[in-house]
Amino acid sequence: MSLSNRQLRHLRGLTHQLKPVVMVGDKGLSENVMSEIETALNSHELIKIKLRSDRETRSAWEAEIVSSFGAESVHSIGQVACFFRRNSKKPVIELPGESVKG
């Protein structure tokens, strides 16, 4: 799923009010962390993750999250990154230019 610039701007606006639902620390993207990210994406669609490491490691983690979960990177600022993945069974967020069926 590829998001348009308009949809990305809309999602960025929604991320301001979010609190991080997952924090990745010294142990990296462990099996438990990956499970929590999967659960959060399924229930919320749009999530904020706190990535506690150096810049190169954070970039690698972001790329792994995008590829492992089929999520879209909405944006990242410092140690916080936001991701979006549409829940095909129960969509929660209506994006500009599409309608939510539910």
PDB file of N, CA and C in Angstrom:
ATOM      1  N   MET A   1       0.849  -1.180   0.000  1.00  0.00           N
ATOM      2  CA  MET A   1       0.000   0.000   0.000  1.00  0.00           C
ATOM      3  C   MET A   1       0.891   1.238   0.000  1.00  0.00           C
ATOM      4  N   SER A   2       0.665   2.084  -0.953  1.00  0.00           N
ATOM      5  CA  SER A   2       1.444   3.310  -1.025  1.00  0.00           C
ATOM      6  C   SER A   2       0.521   4.487  -0.697  1.00  0.00           C
ATOM      7  N   LEU A   3       0.976   5.336   0.182  1.00  0.00           N
ATOM      8  CA  LEU A   3       0.170   6.476   0.612  1.00  0.00           C
ATOM      9  C   LEU A   3       0.534   7.713  -0.194  1.00  0.00           C
ATOM     10  N   SER A   4      -0.469   8.515  -0.494  1.00  0.00           N
ATOM     11  CA  SER A   4      -0.222   9.773  -1.191  1.00  0.00           C
ATOM     12  C   SER A   4       0.331  10.798  -0.186  1.00  0.00           C
ATOM     13  N   ASN A   5       0.876  11.886  -0.713  1.00  0.00           N
ATOM     14  CA  ASN A   5       1.382  12.948   0.167  1.00  0.00           C
ATOM     15  C   ASN A   5       0.273  13.508   1.046  1.00  0.00           C
ATOM     16  N   ARG A   6      -0.909  13.635   0.490  1.00  0.00           N
ATOM     17  CA  ARG A   6      -2.054  14.151   1.255  1.00  0.00           C
ATOM     18  C   ARG A   6      -2.393  13.217   2.418  1.00  0.00           C
ATOM     19  N   GLN A   7      -2.372  11.911   2.153  1.00  0.00           N
ATOM     20  CA  GLN A   7      -2.667  10.939   3.199  1.00  0.00           C
ATOM     21  C   GLN A   7      -1.577  10.940   4.274  1.00  0.00           C
ATOM     22  N   LEU A   8      -0.311  11.046   3.851  1.00  0.00           N
ATOM     23  CA  LEU A   8       0.787  11.112   4.825  1.00  0.00           C
ATOM     24  C   LEU A   8       0.671  12.346   5.714  1.00  0.00           C
ATOM     25  N   ARG A   9       0.326  13.491   5.141  1.00  0.00           N
ATOM     26  CA  ARG A   9       0.144  14.711   5.942  1.00  0.00           C
ATOM     27  C   ARG A   9      -0.968  14.525   6.961  1.00  0.00           C
ATOM     28  N   HIS A  10      -2.057  13.893   6.525  1.00  0.00           N
ATOM     29  CA  HIS A  10      -3.188  13.630   7.420  1.00  0.00           C
ATOM     30  C   HIS A  10      -2.741  12.742   8.596  1.00  0.00           C
ATOM     31  N   LEU A  11      -2.007  11.668   8.288  1.00  0.00           N
ATOM     32  CA  LEU A  11      -1.543  10.758   9.330  1.00  0.00           C
ATOM     33  C   LEU A  11      -0.552  11.438  10.271  1.00  0.00           C
ATOM     34  N   ARG A  12       0.337  12.270   9.723  1.00  0.00           N
ATOM     35  CA  ARG A  12       1.288  13.007  10.570  1.00  0.00           C
ATOM     36  C   ARG A  12       0.542  13.870  11.578  1.00  0.00           C
ATOM     37  N   GLY A  13      -0.528  14.498  11.132  1.00  0.00           N
ATOM     38  CA  GLY A  13      -1.335  15.312  12.034  1.00  0.00           C
ATOM     39  C   GLY A  13      -1.953  14.484  13.148  1.00  0.00           C
ATOM     40  N   LEU A  14      -2.356  13.251  12.833  1.00  0.00           N
ATOM     41  CA  LEU A  14      -2.950  12.379  13.845  1.00  0.00           C
ATOM     42  C   LEU A  14      -1.925  11.868  14.850  1.00  0.00           C
ATOM     43  N   THR A  15      -0.654  11.802  14.457  1.00  0.00           N
ATOM     44  CA  THR A  15       0.368  11.255  15.358  1.00  0.00           C
ATOM     45  C   THR A  15       0.716  12.187  16.511  1.00  0.00           C
ATOM     46  N   HIS A  16       0.434  13.465  16.378  1.00  0.00           N
ATOM     47  CA  HIS A  16       0.794  14.411  17.440  1.00  0.00           C
ATOM     48  C   HIS A  16       0.182  14.039  18.783  1.00  0.00           C
ATOM     49  N   GLN A  17      -1.028  13.530  18.774  1.00  0.00           N
ATOM     50  CA  GLN A  17      -1.720  13.220  20.024  1.00  0.00           C
ATOM     51  C   GLN A  17      -1.383  11.827  20.560  1.00  0.00           C
ATOM     52  N   LEU A  18      -0.672  11.014  19.789  1.00  0.00           N
ATOM     53  CA  LEU A  18      -0.366   9.649  20.209  1.00  0.00           C
ATOM     54  C   LEU A  18       0.779   9.590  21.210  1.00  0.00           C
ATOM     55  N   LYS A  19       0.705   8.621  22.080  1.00  0.00           N
ATOM     56  CA  LYS A  19       1.800   8.279  22.982  1.00  0.00           C
ATOM     57  C   LYS A  19       2.459   7.020  22.420  1.00  0.00           C
ATOM     58  N   PRO A  20       3.776   6.837  22.638  1.00  0.00           N
ATOM     59  CA  PRO A  20       4.426   5.609  22.162  1.00  0.00           C
ATOM     60  C   PRO A  20       3.787   4.374  22.798  1.00  0.00           C
ATOM     61  N   VAL A  21       3.455   3.384  21.975  1.00  0.00           N
ATOM     62  CA  VAL A  21       2.834   2.159  22.480  1.00  0.00           C
ATOM     63  C   VAL A  21       3.864   1.052  22.665  1.00  0.00           C
ATOM     64  N   VAL A  22       5.024   1.197  22.032  1.00  0.00           N
ATOM     65  CA  VAL A  22       6.097   0.212  22.148  1.00  0.00           C
ATOM     66  C   VAL A  22       7.404   0.980  22.304  1.00  0.00           C
ATOM     67  N   MET A  23       8.309   0.440  23.136  1.00  0.00           N
ATOM     68  CA  MET A  23       9.633   1.039  23.265  1.00  0.00           C
ATOM     69  C   MET A  23      10.672  -0.041  22.962  1.00  0.00           C
ATOM     70  N   VAL A  24      11.571   0.280  22.031  1.00  0.00           N
ATOM     71  CA  VAL A  24      12.643  -0.638  21.660  1.00  0.00           C
ATOM     72  C   VAL A  24      13.915  -0.135  22.322  1.00  0.00           C
ATOM     73  N   GLY A  25      14.553  -1.006  23.098  1.00  0.00           N
ATOM     74  CA  GLY A  25      15.741  -0.589  23.846  1.00  0.00           C
ATOM     75  C   GLY A  25      16.961  -1.409  23.497  1.00  0.00           C
ATOM     76  N   ASP A  26      17.751  -1.731  24.527  1.00  0.00           N
ATOM     77  CA  ASP A  26      19.033  -2.419  24.362  1.00  0.00           C
ATOM     78  C   ASP A  26      18.924  -3.758  23.645  1.00  0.00           C
ATOM     79  N   LYS A  27      17.835  -4.465  23.846  1.00  0.00           N
ATOM     80  CA  LYS A  27      17.705  -5.806  23.260  1.00  0.00           C
ATOM     81  C   LYS A  27      17.232  -5.766  21.815  1.00  0.00           C
ATOM     82  N   GLY A  28      16.920  -4.588  21.318  1.00  0.00           N
ATOM     83  CA  GLY A  28      16.530  -4.452  19.915  1.00  0.00           C
ATOM     84  C   GLY A  28      15.151  -5.007  19.618  1.00  0.00           C
ATOM     85  N   LEU A  29      14.964  -5.432  18.381  1.00  0.00           N
ATOM     86  CA  LEU A  29      13.666  -5.945  17.949  1.00  0.00           C
ATOM     87  C   LEU A  29      13.563  -7.429  18.281  1.00  0.00           C
ATOM     88  N   SER A  30      13.372  -7.711  19.554  1.00  0.00           N
ATOM     89  CA  SER A  30      13.239  -9.088  20.018  1.00  0.00           C
ATOM     90  C   SER A  30      11.886  -9.645  19.576  1.00  0.00           C
ATOM     91  N   GLU A  31      11.711 -10.925  19.794  1.00  0.00           N
ATOM     92  CA  GLU A  31      10.457 -11.578  19.423  1.00  0.00           C
ATOM     93  C   GLU A  31       9.272 -10.957  20.161  1.00  0.00           C
ATOM     94  N   ASN A  32       9.459 -10.638  21.445  1.00  0.00           N
ATOM     95  CA  ASN A  32       8.380 -10.026  22.234  1.00  0.00           C
ATOM     96  C   ASN A  32       8.023  -8.634  21.706  1.00  0.00           C
ATOM     97  N   VAL A  33       9.031  -7.843  21.355  1.00  0.00           N
ATOM     98  CA  VAL A  33       8.791  -6.509  20.827  1.00  0.00           C
ATOM     99  C   VAL A  33       8.056  -6.597  19.490  1.00  0.00           C
ATOM    100  N   MET A  34       8.485  -7.527  18.637  1.00  0.00           N
ATOM    101  CA  MET A  34       7.832  -7.706  17.336  1.00  0.00           C
ATOM    102  C   MET A  34       6.362  -8.106  17.521  1.00  0.00           C
ATOM    103  N   SER A  35       6.102  -8.950  18.511  1.00  0.00           N
ATOM    104  CA  SER A  35       4.731  -9.368  18.808  1.00  0.00           C
ATOM    105  C   SER A  35       3.883  -8.175  19.251  1.00  0.00           C
ATOM    106  N   GLU A  36       4.450  -7.316  20.096  1.00  0.00           N
ATOM    107  CA  GLU A  36       3.726  -6.121  20.552  1.00  0.00           C
ATOM    108  C   GLU A  36       3.442  -5.160  19.395  1.00  0.00           C
ATOM    109  N   ILE A  37       4.405  -5.008  18.490  1.00  0.00           N
ATOM    110  CA  ILE A  37       4.198  -4.132  17.335  1.00  0.00           C
ATOM    111  C   ILE A  37       3.070  -4.688  16.466  1.00  0.00           C
ATOM    112  N   GLU A  38       3.056  -5.992  16.239  1.00  0.00           N
ATOM    113  CA  GLU A  38       1.999  -6.631  15.444  1.00  0.00           C
ATOM    114  C   GLU A  38       0.628  -6.383  16.076  1.00  0.00           C
ATOM    115  N   THR A  39       0.544  -6.593  17.372  1.00  0.00           N
ATOM    116  CA  THR A  39      -0.719  -6.381  18.093  1.00  0.00           C
ATOM    117  C   THR A  39      -1.169  -4.923  17.990  1.00  0.00           C
ATOM    118  N   ALA A  40      -0.242  -4.001  18.187  1.00  0.00           N
ATOM    119  CA  ALA A  40      -0.569  -2.573  18.143  1.00  0.00           C
ATOM    120  C   ALA A  40      -1.027  -2.158  16.748  1.00  0.00           C
ATOM    121  N   LEU A  41      -0.350  -2.635  15.718  1.00  0.00           N
ATOM    122  CA  LEU A  41      -0.753  -2.285  14.349  1.00  0.00           C
ATOM    123  C   LEU A  41      -2.128  -2.841  14.022  1.00  0.00           C
ATOM    124  N   ASN A  42      -2.421  -4.059  14.488  1.00  0.00           N
ATOM    125  CA  ASN A  42      -3.732  -4.653  14.226  1.00  0.00           C
ATOM    126  C   ASN A  42      -4.858  -3.883  14.883  1.00  0.00           C
ATOM    127  N   SER A  43      -4.626  -3.390  16.087  1.00  0.00           N
ATOM    128  CA  SER A  43      -5.708  -2.731  16.802  1.00  0.00           C
ATOM    129  C   SER A  43      -5.799  -1.230  16.549  1.00  0.00           C
ATOM    130  N   HIS A  44      -4.676  -0.564  16.320  1.00  0.00           N
ATOM    131  CA  HIS A  44      -4.686   0.893  16.187  1.00  0.00           C
ATOM    132  C   HIS A  44      -4.441   1.416  14.777  1.00  0.00           C
ATOM    133  N   GLU A  45      -3.802   0.631  13.922  1.00  0.00           N
ATOM    134  CA  GLU A  45      -3.389   1.018  12.567  1.00  0.00           C
ATOM    135  C   GLU A  45      -2.254   2.044  12.559  1.00  0.00           C
ATOM    136  N   LEU A  46      -2.364   3.087  13.342  1.00  0.00           N
ATOM    137  CA  LEU A  46      -1.351   4.140  13.401  1.00  0.00           C
ATOM    138  C   LEU A  46      -0.713   4.095  14.785  1.00  0.00           C
ATOM    139  N   ILE A  47       0.600   3.837  14.828  1.00  0.00           N
ATOM    140  CA  ILE A  47       1.273   3.701  16.116  1.00  0.00           C
ATOM    141  C   ILE A  47       2.544   4.540  16.159  1.00  0.00           C
ATOM    142  N   LYS A  48       2.942   4.850  17.384  1.00  0.00           N
ATOM    143  CA  LYS A  48       4.176   5.592  17.639  1.00  0.00           C
ATOM    144  C   LYS A  48       5.076   4.670  18.461  1.00  0.00           C
ATOM    145  N   ILE A  49       6.340   4.556  18.029  1.00  0.00           N
ATOM    146  CA  ILE A  49       7.300   3.683  18.691  1.00  0.00           C
ATOM    147  C   ILE A  49       8.515   4.494  19.116  1.00  0.00           C
ATOM    148  N   LYS A  50       8.964   4.278  20.332  1.00  0.00           N
ATOM    149  CA  LYS A  50      10.175   4.930  20.839  1.00  0.00           C
ATOM    150  C   LYS A  50      11.353   3.997  20.581  1.00  0.00           C
ATOM    151  N   LEU A  51      12.332   4.472  19.816  1.00  0.00           N
ATOM    152  CA  LEU A  51      13.508   3.688  19.461  1.00  0.00           C
ATOM    153  C   LEU A  51      14.719   4.263  20.189  1.00  0.00           C
ATOM    154  N   ARG A  52      15.206   3.557  21.206  1.00  0.00           N
ATOM    155  CA  ARG A  52      16.281   4.062  22.061  1.00  0.00           C
ATOM    156  C   ARG A  52      17.626   3.505  21.613  1.00  0.00           C
ATOM    157  N   SER A  53      18.279   4.202  20.692  1.00  0.00           N
ATOM    158  CA  SER A  53      19.601   3.787  20.232  1.00  0.00           C
ATOM    159  C   SER A  53      20.215   4.893  19.384  1.00  0.00           C
ATOM    160  N   ASP A  54      21.367   4.597  18.766  1.00  0.00           N
ATOM    161  CA  ASP A  54      22.005   5.585  17.900  1.00  0.00           C
ATOM    162  C   ASP A  54      21.279   5.661  16.554  1.00  0.00           C
ATOM    163  N   ARG A  55      21.596   6.659  15.769  1.00  0.00           N
ATOM    164  CA  ARG A  55      20.889   6.956  14.523  1.00  0.00           C
ATOM    165  C   ARG A  55      20.905   5.785  13.539  1.00  0.00           C
ATOM    166  N   GLU A  56      22.051   5.156  13.338  1.00  0.00           N
ATOM    167  CA  GLU A  56      22.155   4.060  12.369  1.00  0.00           C
ATOM    168  C   GLU A  56      21.295   2.863  12.789  1.00  0.00           C
ATOM    169  N   THR A  57      21.336   2.549  14.063  1.00  0.00           N
ATOM    170  CA  THR A  57      20.536   1.431  14.570  1.00  0.00           C
ATOM    171  C   THR A  57      19.051   1.738  14.448  1.00  0.00           C
ATOM    172  N   ARG A  58      18.654   2.973  14.769  1.00  0.00           N
ATOM    173  CA  ARG A  58      17.239   3.356  14.642  1.00  0.00           C
ATOM    174  C   ARG A  58      16.774   3.218  13.195  1.00  0.00           C
ATOM    175  N   SER A  59      17.602   3.661  12.253  1.00  0.00           N
ATOM    176  CA  SER A  59      17.247   3.545  10.831  1.00  0.00           C
ATOM    177  C   SER A  59      17.084   2.087  10.421  1.00  0.00           C
ATOM    178  N   ALA A  60      17.964   1.227  10.906  1.00  0.00           N
ATOM    179  CA  ALA A  60      17.870  -0.201  10.592  1.00  0.00           C
ATOM    180  C   ALA A  60      16.593  -0.796  11.184  1.00  0.00           C
ATOM    181  N   TRP A  61      16.271  -0.416  12.413  1.00  0.00           N
ATOM    182  CA  TRP A  61      15.045  -0.907  13.041  1.00  0.00           C
ATOM    183  C   TRP A  61      13.814  -0.444  12.275  1.00  0.00           C
ATOM    184  N   GLU A  62      13.795   0.820  11.861  1.00  0.00           N
ATOM    185  CA  GLU A  62      12.660   1.337  11.096  1.00  0.00           C
ATOM    186  C   GLU A  62      12.477   0.548   9.808  1.00  0.00           C
ATOM    187  N   ALA A  63      13.567   0.302   9.098  1.00  0.00           N
ATOM    188  CA  ALA A  63      13.492  -0.459   7.841  1.00  0.00           C
ATOM    189  C   ALA A  63      12.991  -1.874   8.096  1.00  0.00           C
ATOM    190  N   GLU A  64      13.434  -2.486   9.186  1.00  0.00           N
ATOM    191  CA  GLU A  64      12.988  -3.840   9.510  1.00  0.00           C
ATOM    192  C   GLU A  64      11.507  -3.877   9.862  1.00  0.00           C
ATOM    193  N   ILE A  65      11.027  -2.868  10.584  1.00  0.00           N
ATOM    194  CA  ILE A  65       9.604  -2.804  10.931  1.00  0.00           C
ATOM    195  C   ILE A  65       8.769  -2.657   9.664  1.00  0.00           C
ATOM    196  N   VAL A  66       9.197  -1.780   8.763  1.00  0.00           N
ATOM    197  CA  VAL A  66       8.466  -1.570   7.507  1.00  0.00           C
ATOM    198  C   VAL A  66       8.409  -2.866   6.705  1.00  0.00           C
ATOM    199  N   SER A  67       9.547  -3.556   6.564  1.00  0.00           N
ATOM    200  CA  SER A  67       9.569  -4.767   5.744  1.00  0.00           C
ATOM    201  C   SER A  67       8.887  -5.953   6.428  1.00  0.00           C
ATOM    202  N   SER A  68       9.042  -6.097   7.736  1.00  0.00           N
ATOM    203  CA  SER A  68       8.466  -7.243   8.447  1.00  0.00           C
ATOM    204  C   SER A  68       6.951  -7.186   8.557  1.00  0.00           C
ATOM    205  N   PHE A  69       6.400  -5.986   8.703  1.00  0.00           N
ATOM    206  CA  PHE A  69       4.970  -5.861   8.955  1.00  0.00           C
ATOM    207  C   PHE A  69       4.186  -5.302   7.780  1.00  0.00           C
ATOM    208  N   GLY A  70       4.863  -4.912   6.713  1.00  0.00           N
ATOM    209  CA  GLY A  70       4.158  -4.306   5.586  1.00  0.00           C
ATOM    210  C   GLY A  70       3.563  -2.964   5.962  1.00  0.00           C
ATOM    211  N   ALA A  71       4.209  -2.288   6.897  1.00  0.00           N
ATOM    212  CA  ALA A  71       3.724  -0.994   7.372  1.00  0.00           C
ATOM    213  C   ALA A  71       4.356   0.132   6.559  1.00  0.00           C
ATOM    214  N   GLU A  72       3.744   1.290   6.626  1.00  0.00           N
ATOM    215  CA  GLU A  72       4.284   2.501   6.006  1.00  0.00           C
ATOM    216  C   GLU A  72       4.895   3.363   7.099  1.00  0.00           C
ATOM    217  N   SER A  73       6.079   3.870   6.852  1.00  0.00           N
ATOM    218  CA  SER A  73       6.684   4.810   7.781  1.00  0.00           C
ATOM    219  C   SER A  73       6.057   6.176   7.544  1.00  0.00           C
ATOM    220  N   VAL A  74       5.373   6.696   8.551  1.00  0.00           N
ATOM    221  CA  VAL A  74       4.711   7.991   8.418  1.00  0.00           C
ATOM    222  C   VAL A  74       5.733   9.102   8.606  1.00  0.00           C
ATOM    223  N   HIS A  75       6.533   9.020   9.661  1.00  0.00           N
ATOM    224  CA  HIS A  75       7.644   9.937   9.874  1.00  0.00           C
ATOM    225  C   HIS A  75       8.421   9.524  11.099  1.00  0.00           C
ATOM    226  N   SER A  76       9.613  10.086  11.238  1.00  0.00           N
ATOM    227  CA  SER A  76      10.395   9.848  12.445  1.00  0.00           C
ATOM    228  C   SER A  76      11.113  11.135  12.815  1.00  0.00           C
ATOM    229  N   ILE A  77      11.108  11.416  14.092  1.00  0.00           N
ATOM    230  CA  ILE A  77      11.788  12.593  14.634  1.00  0.00           C
ATOM    231  C   ILE A  77      12.564  12.122  15.853  1.00  0.00           C
ATOM    232  N   GLY A  78      13.880  12.241  15.787  1.00  0.00           N
ATOM    233  CA  GLY A  78      14.711  11.806  16.899  1.00  0.00           C
ATOM    234  C   GLY A  78      14.520  10.342  17.190  1.00  0.00           C
ATOM    235  N   GLN A  79      14.139  10.029  18.409  1.00  0.00           N
ATOM    236  CA  GLN A  79      13.985   8.635  18.828  1.00  0.00           C
ATOM    237  C   GLN A  79      12.555   8.128  18.717  1.00  0.00           C
ATOM    238  N   VAL A  80      11.705   8.860  18.032  1.00  0.00           N
ATOM    239  CA  VAL A  80      10.312   8.457  17.883  1.00  0.00           C
ATOM    240  C   VAL A  80       9.989   8.265  16.407  1.00  0.00           C
ATOM    241  N   ALA A  81       9.367   7.118  16.098  1.00  0.00           N
ATOM    242  CA  ALA A  81       8.962   6.834  14.726  1.00  0.00           C
ATOM    243  C   ALA A  81       7.498   6.419  14.722  1.00  0.00           C
ATOM    244  N   CYS A  82       6.788   6.800  13.660  1.00  0.00           N
ATOM    245  CA  CYS A  82       5.371   6.475  13.536  1.00  0.00           C
ATOM    246  C   CYS A  82       5.152   5.616  12.300  1.00  0.00           C
ATOM    247  N   PHE A  83       4.289   4.621  12.456  1.00  0.00           N
ATOM    248  CA  PHE A  83       4.016   3.674  11.381  1.00  0.00           C
ATOM    249  C   PHE A  83       2.515   3.494  11.203  1.00  0.00           C
ATOM    250  N   PHE A  84       2.110   3.184   9.965  1.00  0.00           N
ATOM    251  CA  PHE A  84       0.706   2.961   9.645  1.00  0.00           C
ATOM    252  C   PHE A  84       0.579   1.678   8.851  1.00  0.00           C
ATOM    253  N   ARG A  85      -0.405   0.869   9.212  1.00  0.00           N
ATOM    254  CA  ARG A  85      -0.773  -0.296   8.420  1.00  0.00           C
ATOM    255  C   ARG A  85      -2.275  -0.476   8.507  1.00  0.00           C
ATOM    256  N   ARG A  86      -2.922  -0.488   7.373  1.00  0.00           N
ATOM    257  CA  ARG A  86      -4.375  -0.640   7.298  1.00  0.00           C
ATOM    258  C   ARG A  86      -4.785  -2.014   7.806  1.00  0.00           C
ATOM    259  N   ASN A  87      -5.791  -2.054   8.677  1.00  0.00           N
ATOM    260  CA  ASN A  87      -6.397  -3.304   9.111  1.00  0.00           C
ATOM    261  C   ASN A  87      -7.507  -3.608   8.115  1.00  0.00           C
ATOM    262  N   SER A  88      -7.308  -4.632   7.291  1.00  0.00           N
ATOM    263  CA  SER A  88      -8.257  -4.909   6.206  1.00  0.00           C
ATOM    264  C   SER A  88      -9.610  -5.396   6.725  1.00  0.00           C
ATOM    265  N   LYS A  89      -9.656  -6.023   7.892  1.00  0.00           N
ATOM    266  CA  LYS A  89     -10.923  -6.528   8.423  1.00  0.00           C
ATOM    267  C   LYS A  89     -11.728  -5.454   9.140  1.00  0.00           C
ATOM    268  N   LYS A  90     -11.041  -4.620   9.938  1.00  0.00           N
ATOM    269  CA  LYS A  90     -11.720  -3.567  10.704  1.00  0.00           C
ATOM    270  C   LYS A  90     -10.940  -2.264  10.585  1.00  0.00           C
ATOM    271  N   PRO A  91     -11.080  -1.540   9.467  1.00  0.00           N
ATOM    272  CA  PRO A  91     -10.370  -0.267   9.333  1.00  0.00           C
ATOM    273  C   PRO A  91     -10.812   0.726  10.409  1.00  0.00           C
ATOM    274  N   VAL A  92      -9.861   1.449  10.954  1.00  0.00           N
ATOM    275  CA  VAL A  92     -10.138   2.408  12.022  1.00  0.00           C
ATOM    276  C   VAL A  92     -10.029   3.842  11.505  1.00  0.00           C
ATOM    277  N   ILE A  93      -9.002   4.115  10.725  1.00  0.00           N
ATOM    278  CA  ILE A  93      -8.700   5.482  10.288  1.00  0.00           C
ATOM    279  C   ILE A  93      -9.155   5.678   8.851  1.00  0.00           C
ATOM    280  N   GLU A  94      -9.906   6.741   8.632  1.00  0.00           N
ATOM    281  CA  GLU A  94     -10.312   7.087   7.278  1.00  0.00           C
ATOM    282  C   GLU A  94      -9.292   8.054   6.703  1.00  0.00           C
ATOM    283  N   LEU A  95      -8.714   7.664   5.585  1.00  0.00           N
ATOM    284  CA  LEU A  95      -7.718   8.497   4.924  1.00  0.00           C
ATOM    285  C   LEU A  95      -8.380   9.361   3.873  1.00  0.00           C
ATOM    286  N   PRO A  96      -7.839  10.567   3.608  1.00  0.00           N
ATOM    287  CA  PRO A  96      -8.383  11.398   2.549  1.00  0.00           C
ATOM    288  C   PRO A  96      -8.288  10.652   1.211  1.00  0.00           C
ATOM    289  N   GLY A  97      -9.369  10.694   0.460  1.00  0.00           N
ATOM    290  CA  GLY A  97      -9.380  10.052  -0.850  1.00  0.00           C
ATOM    291  C   GLY A  97      -9.856   8.615  -0.833  1.00  0.00           C
ATOM    292  N   GLU A  98     -10.282   8.106   0.322  1.00  0.00           N
ATOM    293  CA  GLU A  98     -10.841   6.748   0.395  1.00  0.00           C
ATOM    294  C   GLU A  98     -11.922   6.722   1.455  1.00  0.00           C
ATOM    295  N   SER A  99     -12.773   5.706   1.378  1.00  0.00           N
ATOM    296  CA  SER A  99     -13.817   5.568   2.395  1.00  0.00           C
ATOM    297  C   SER A  99     -13.574   4.285   3.166  1.00  0.00           C
ATOM    298  N   VAL A 100     -13.891   4.305   4.451  1.00  0.00           N
ATOM    299  CA  VAL A 100     -13.715   3.150   5.307  1.00  0.00           C
ATOM    300  C   VAL A 100     -14.985   2.309   5.237  1.00  0.00           C
ATOM    301  N   LYS A 101     -14.811   1.029   4.988  1.00  0.00           N
ATOM    302  CA  LYS A 101     -15.957   0.113   4.962  1.00  0.00           C
ATOM    303  C   LYS A 101     -15.946  -0.652   6.263  1.00  0.00           C
ATOM    304  N   GLY A 102     -17.039  -0.660   6.939  1.00  0.00           N
ATOM    305  CA  GLY A 102     -17.041  -1.384   8.198  1.00  0.00           C
ATOM    306  C   GLY A 102     -18.323  -1.581   8.738  1.00  0.00           C
TER     307      GLY A 102
END
